[in-house]
Amino acid sequence: MNKITKLFLFIFLFSYSLNAQLVVGESGSIEVKNGASIEVAGLEISPATDYVINGSTSVTSDLAPLTINGAESMDRHYDIVAPLSDFIGTIVFNYNEEDMNGISHTADLQVVDSDGGTWMNYADMDDTDFSVTHTFESSVNIHSVTASAVVVVSDGCDLTINMEDTYGDGWNGNYLDVYVNGELSQGGLTIDNGDSATATVSASYGDTVLFDMVAAGSYIGETQFNVTDADGNTVASAADGDDATFECIDPNAINLAVSATTDGAS
C-alpha cells in the first residue's frame, strides 16, 4: 500500500462516523514515539516510552455525561474498545465551555480500566482552564475517560446525632455520651429546652461508636435520637433510654465477613 493510499485510509477512519474518532484495524497498528502525542477529538495521549496501539482498538467520543458515584461528569467522555494496556505517560482531557455541565475548571480526571470496572479519580496536574492533565508514572489500563468535580476521599465516617424530645420540654437532665473505641469522645449531649438538638462526631474506618443514653433526670421515656451519615442515611437510632452502636466500615473494603453489616458484628 503506497503512502497516498495509507493517508486516504487514515482520513476515512477519522471521518466515516461522527463518533468513531480513531480505529485501528485488527492487523494494523499505530506507534506513538516517546515525546510525541496523538490527539483524538480533544483527548491527548502522550506516552513516556514508545507505545504501540494495535489489535482492533477504537477510540470514540460522546458528548454526554456519565454518572460516577452518584454525580454527573462533564458532557464529554471517551470510550476505548480494546483498552490501552500498560500505559505510562500523560493523558490530557480537553473540553469546551459547553461541555462543563456545571463543573468548575478544578475538575479531576476519571478513568476506568475495563467495562463495568471501578472509576478511579486522578488529580489535575495543570492550572490551565479547559484541560485536565494527569501523568501516570505506573502502568494503567484505560477503557474510558472523562472529567468530573473533585472527589473528596474520606478516611472515616462523619456522623450527625439528631436528638429529639417527644414532649417538647427538653431532656429534663438526661444526656447522651458518645464513645469511640471505648474512649469518651463527647459527653453530656442533651436538649436543654424544646424538642430537638443536633451534634456531630467523626470516626475512622474500623472504629466502634457507642451512643450511651444516661438516665440522670426524669421522663427518660420522652428521649429518642437517630444518627445519620454524610449522605443522610440513618445508621443508628434508639428511644426510651436505650443505647445504640455503630461500626464505621470502609465501603470499599473487600475482606468483610458476611456478618460485618449486621448489628453487633465486626
Protein backbone atom coordinates (compact mmCIF):
# COMPACT_ATOMS: atom_id res chain seq x y z
CA MET A 1 0.00 0.00 0.00
CA ASN A 2 1.54 3.34 -1.03
CA LYS A 3 1.69 6.45 1.15
CA ILE A 4 -1.24 8.14 -0.58
CA THR A 5 -3.47 5.11 -0.03
CA LYS A 6 -2.43 4.92 3.62
CA LEU A 7 -3.22 8.61 4.09
CA PHE A 8 -6.63 8.20 2.46
CA LEU A 9 -7.43 5.21 4.69
CA PHE A 10 -6.40 7.16 7.80
CA ILE A 11 -8.61 10.13 6.84
CA PHE A 12 -11.51 7.78 6.10
CA LEU A 13 -11.25 6.15 9.51
CA PHE A 14 -11.49 9.58 11.12
CA SER A 15 -14.43 10.73 9.05
CA TYR A 16 -16.69 7.77 8.39
CA SER A 17 -18.58 8.25 11.68
CA LEU A 18 -19.39 11.20 13.91
CA ASN A 19 -18.49 9.14 16.98
CA ALA A 20 -15.68 6.86 15.83
CA GLN A 21 -12.63 9.11 16.00
CA LEU A 22 -9.85 6.56 15.71
CA VAL A 23 -9.97 2.93 14.60
CA VAL A 24 -7.01 0.57 14.35
CA GLY A 25 -7.71 -2.49 12.23
CA GLU A 26 -7.26 -5.98 13.59
CA SER A 27 -3.97 -6.41 11.75
CA GLY A 28 -2.89 -2.77 11.95
CA SER A 29 -1.05 -0.65 14.49
CA ILE A 30 -0.06 2.91 15.29
CA GLU A 31 3.19 3.60 17.11
CA VAL A 32 3.40 6.80 19.16
CA LYS A 33 7.02 7.65 19.88
CA ASN A 34 8.32 8.84 23.23
CA GLY A 35 7.98 12.63 23.28
CA ALA A 36 5.22 12.60 20.66
CA SER A 37 1.47 12.53 21.16
CA ILE A 38 -1.72 11.66 19.36
CA GLU A 39 -4.93 13.67 19.78
CA VAL A 40 -8.35 12.12 19.25
CA ALA A 41 -11.16 14.70 19.27
CA GLY A 42 -9.69 16.51 22.27
CA LEU A 43 -8.13 13.55 24.09
CA GLU A 44 -4.34 13.77 24.00
CA ILE A 45 -2.31 10.59 24.54
CA SER A 46 1.40 11.17 25.22
CA PRO A 47 3.31 8.01 26.19
CA ALA A 48 6.51 8.18 28.24
CA THR A 49 8.02 5.44 26.07
CA ASP A 50 7.39 4.27 22.52
CA TYR A 51 3.83 2.93 22.63
CA VAL A 52 2.02 0.76 20.09
CA ILE A 53 -1.76 0.96 19.71
CA ASN A 54 -2.97 -2.12 17.89
CA GLY A 55 -5.40 -5.01 17.74
CA SER A 56 -8.85 -3.68 16.82
CA THR A 57 -8.55 -0.63 19.05
CA SER A 58 -11.08 2.16 18.60
CA VAL A 59 -11.43 5.45 20.45
CA THR A 60 -14.87 7.06 20.38
CA SER A 61 -16.04 10.33 21.86
CA ASP A 62 -19.54 11.01 23.13
CA LEU A 63 -20.84 14.46 24.08
CA ALA A 64 -22.92 13.21 27.00
CA PRO A 65 -22.30 12.92 30.75
CA LEU A 66 -21.67 9.75 32.72
CA THR A 67 -22.86 9.11 36.27
CA ILE A 68 -19.96 8.36 38.61
CA ASN A 69 -20.57 7.76 42.31
CA GLY A 70 -23.99 9.37 42.01
CA ALA A 71 -22.78 12.56 40.29
CA GLU A 72 -22.69 13.53 36.63
CA SER A 73 -19.43 14.10 34.78
CA MET A 74 -18.78 16.72 32.13
CA ASP A 75 -20.78 16.39 28.91
CA ARG A 76 -17.89 14.62 27.19
CA HIS A 77 -16.35 11.19 27.59
CA TYR A 78 -14.21 8.78 25.61
CA ASP A 79 -14.58 5.01 25.28
CA ILE A 80 -11.70 2.83 24.13
CA VAL A 81 -12.57 -0.60 22.77
CA ALA A 82 -9.59 -2.92 23.30
CA PRO A 83 -8.34 -0.62 26.09
CA LEU A 84 -4.94 0.99 26.16
CA SER A 85 -2.99 -1.51 28.25
CA ASP A 86 0.05 -0.92 30.46
CA PHE A 87 0.06 2.76 29.57
CA ILE A 88 2.66 5.02 31.16
CA GLY A 89 2.59 8.68 30.23
CA THR A 90 0.28 11.69 30.13
CA ILE A 91 -3.41 11.95 29.31
CA VAL A 92 -4.91 15.39 28.59
CA PHE A 93 -8.70 15.75 28.56
CA ASN A 94 -9.58 18.93 26.65
CA TYR A 95 -13.07 20.38 26.92
CA ASN A 96 -15.15 23.39 25.87
CA GLU A 97 -17.45 25.72 27.79
CA GLU A 98 -20.50 23.78 26.62
CA ASP A 99 -19.02 20.52 27.98
CA MET A 100 -18.71 21.69 31.58
CA ASN A 101 -22.17 20.65 32.87
CA GLY A 102 -21.90 22.94 35.89
CA ILE A 103 -18.46 21.60 36.85
CA SER A 104 -15.64 24.04 37.62
CA HIS A 105 -12.21 24.22 35.98
CA THR A 106 -10.77 22.40 39.02
CA ALA A 107 -12.16 19.09 37.75
CA ASP A 108 -10.30 15.80 38.15
CA LEU A 109 -9.62 13.12 35.56
CA GLN A 110 -11.77 9.99 35.84
CA VAL A 111 -10.51 6.72 34.34
CA VAL A 112 -11.96 3.20 34.32
CA ASP A 113 -9.81 0.25 33.27
CA SER A 114 -12.47 -2.15 31.97
CA ASP A 115 -16.13 -2.44 31.05
CA GLY A 116 -18.00 -2.48 34.37
CA GLY A 117 -14.87 -1.59 36.33
CA THR A 118 -14.49 0.96 39.12
CA TRP A 119 -13.87 4.58 38.20
CA MET A 120 -10.61 5.93 39.61
CA ASN A 121 -10.06 9.60 40.41
CA TYR A 122 -6.80 11.31 39.35
CA ALA A 123 -5.94 14.88 40.30
CA ASP A 124 -5.48 17.54 37.62
CA MET A 125 -1.76 18.33 37.35
CA ASP A 126 -2.01 21.63 35.49
CA ASP A 127 -3.56 25.01 36.27
CA THR A 128 -4.92 25.54 32.77
CA ASP A 129 -8.62 26.06 32.16
CA PHE A 130 -10.33 23.83 29.57
CA SER A 131 -7.92 20.93 30.08
CA VAL A 132 -7.45 18.25 32.72
CA THR A 133 -4.00 16.67 32.75
CA HIS A 134 -2.58 13.70 34.61
CA THR A 135 0.74 11.88 34.23
CA PHE A 136 0.70 8.17 35.05
CA GLU A 137 4.10 7.08 36.34
CA SER A 138 2.93 3.49 36.87
CA SER A 139 1.21 1.45 34.18
CA VAL A 140 -2.58 1.62 33.90
CA ASN A 141 -5.22 0.23 31.59
CA ILE A 142 -7.53 2.85 30.09
CA HIS A 143 -11.01 1.86 28.90
CA SER A 144 -12.95 5.12 29.38
CA VAL A 145 -12.00 8.69 30.27
CA THR A 146 -13.97 11.73 31.43
CA ALA A 147 -13.69 14.59 33.94
CA SER A 148 -15.80 15.41 36.97
CA ALA A 149 -15.86 17.53 40.09
CA VAL A 150 -13.07 16.92 42.57
CA VAL A 151 -13.87 13.83 44.64
CA VAL A 152 -13.15 14.18 48.34
CA VAL A 153 -11.85 10.84 49.56
CA SER A 154 -12.95 10.15 53.11
CA ASP A 155 -10.97 8.02 55.54
CA GLY A 156 -13.81 7.65 58.01
CA CYS A 157 -17.40 8.39 58.98
CA ASP A 158 -18.83 11.85 59.64
CA LEU A 159 -21.96 11.43 61.73
CA THR A 160 -24.77 13.74 62.81
CA ILE A 161 -26.66 12.99 66.02
CA ASN A 162 -30.29 14.14 65.87
CA MET A 163 -31.73 14.30 69.40
CA GLU A 164 -35.49 14.61 69.94
CA ASP A 165 -37.88 15.00 72.86
CA THR A 166 -41.39 13.73 72.23
CA TYR A 167 -42.99 16.09 74.76
CA GLY A 168 -41.04 19.16 73.69
CA ASP A 169 -39.64 20.35 77.02
CA GLY A 170 -36.04 19.15 76.72
CA TRP A 171 -34.42 16.05 78.13
CA ASN A 172 -35.00 17.01 81.78
CA GLY A 173 -31.47 16.22 82.96
CA ASN A 174 -30.93 13.11 80.83
CA TYR A 175 -27.99 13.16 78.42
CA LEU A 176 -26.05 11.24 75.80
CA ASP A 177 -22.38 10.22 76.00
CA VAL A 178 -20.54 9.17 72.83
CA TYR A 179 -17.63 6.72 72.99
CA VAL A 180 -15.29 5.84 70.13
CA ASN A 181 -13.50 2.54 70.74
CA GLY A 182 -14.31 2.82 74.43
CA GLU A 183 -12.90 6.34 74.81
CA LEU A 184 -15.25 9.23 75.62
CA SER A 185 -15.49 11.43 72.54
CA GLN A 186 -18.35 13.72 73.57
CA GLY A 187 -20.14 13.83 76.89
CA GLY A 188 -23.30 15.41 78.23
CA LEU A 189 -25.09 15.91 74.92
CA THR A 190 -28.65 16.97 75.70
CA ILE A 191 -31.64 19.11 74.78
CA ASP A 192 -31.74 21.99 77.24
CA ASN A 193 -35.23 23.06 76.16
CA GLY A 194 -37.53 22.40 73.24
CA ASP A 195 -37.95 19.30 71.12
CA SER A 196 -34.66 18.87 69.23
CA ALA A 197 -30.91 19.45 69.09
CA THR A 198 -28.03 18.16 67.00
CA ALA A 199 -24.37 17.30 67.46
CA THR A 200 -21.64 15.78 65.29
CA VAL A 201 -18.99 13.13 65.78
CA SER A 202 -16.33 11.65 63.49
CA ALA A 203 -14.84 8.16 63.46
CA SER A 204 -12.18 6.39 61.42
CA TYR A 205 -12.73 3.20 59.44
CA GLY A 206 -12.71 0.26 61.84
CA ASP A 207 -13.93 2.29 64.82
CA THR A 208 -16.87 1.27 67.00
CA VAL A 209 -19.07 4.14 68.19
CA LEU A 210 -21.29 3.73 71.26
CA PHE A 211 -24.14 6.16 71.89
CA ASP A 212 -24.77 5.76 75.63
CA MET A 213 -28.03 7.24 76.92
CA VAL A 214 -27.60 8.25 80.58
CA ALA A 215 -30.80 8.38 82.66
CA ALA A 216 -29.73 11.16 85.03
CA GLY A 217 -33.04 13.03 85.13
CA SER A 218 -36.74 12.43 84.67
CA TYR A 219 -39.07 11.38 81.84
CA ILE A 220 -36.45 9.20 80.13
CA GLY A 221 -39.28 7.72 78.04
CA GLU A 222 -39.56 11.02 76.15
CA THR A 223 -35.99 10.81 74.81
CA GLN A 224 -35.01 9.48 71.40
CA PHE A 225 -32.25 10.01 68.85
CA ASN A 226 -31.05 8.88 65.46
CA VAL A 227 -27.65 9.07 63.80
CA THR A 228 -27.17 9.86 60.10
CA ASP A 229 -24.09 9.60 57.89
CA ALA A 230 -22.74 12.18 55.44
CA ASP A 231 -25.26 11.05 52.81
CA GLY A 232 -28.22 11.43 55.19
CA ASN A 233 -28.71 7.71 55.75
CA THR A 234 -29.82 6.63 59.22
CA VAL A 235 -27.14 4.32 60.64
CA ALA A 236 -28.26 4.05 64.28
CA SER A 237 -31.22 5.00 66.46
CA ALA A 238 -32.68 4.43 69.92
CA ALA A 239 -35.52 5.62 72.18
CA ASP A 240 -36.79 5.39 75.76
CA GLY A 241 -33.30 5.47 77.27
CA ASP A 242 -31.80 2.71 75.13
CA ASP A 243 -28.24 2.81 73.76
CA ALA A 244 -27.08 2.32 70.16
CA THR A 245 -23.84 1.30 68.45
CA PHE A 246 -22.37 1.91 65.02
CA GLU A 247 -19.46 0.27 63.19
CA CYS A 248 -17.57 2.64 60.86
CA ILE A 249 -16.80 0.38 57.90
CA ASP A 250 -14.87 1.33 54.76
CA PRO A 251 -17.41 0.94 51.91
CA ASN A 252 -14.57 -0.10 49.59
CA ALA A 253 -13.25 -2.84 51.88
CA ILE A 254 -13.09 -6.25 50.20
CA ASN A 255 -12.33 -8.52 53.16
CA LEU A 256 -15.56 -8.18 55.15
CA ALA A 257 -17.33 -11.18 56.60
CA VAL A 258 -20.98 -11.56 55.63
CA SER A 259 -21.93 -10.73 59.23
CA ALA A 260 -19.98 -7.46 59.23
CA THR A 261 -23.01 -5.44 58.19
CA THR A 262 -25.32 -6.90 60.84
CA ASP A 263 -25.96 -5.32 64.20
CA GLY A 264 -23.24 -6.13 66.72
CA ALA A 265 -20.91 -7.72 64.16
CA SER A 266 -17.37 -6.63 63.29
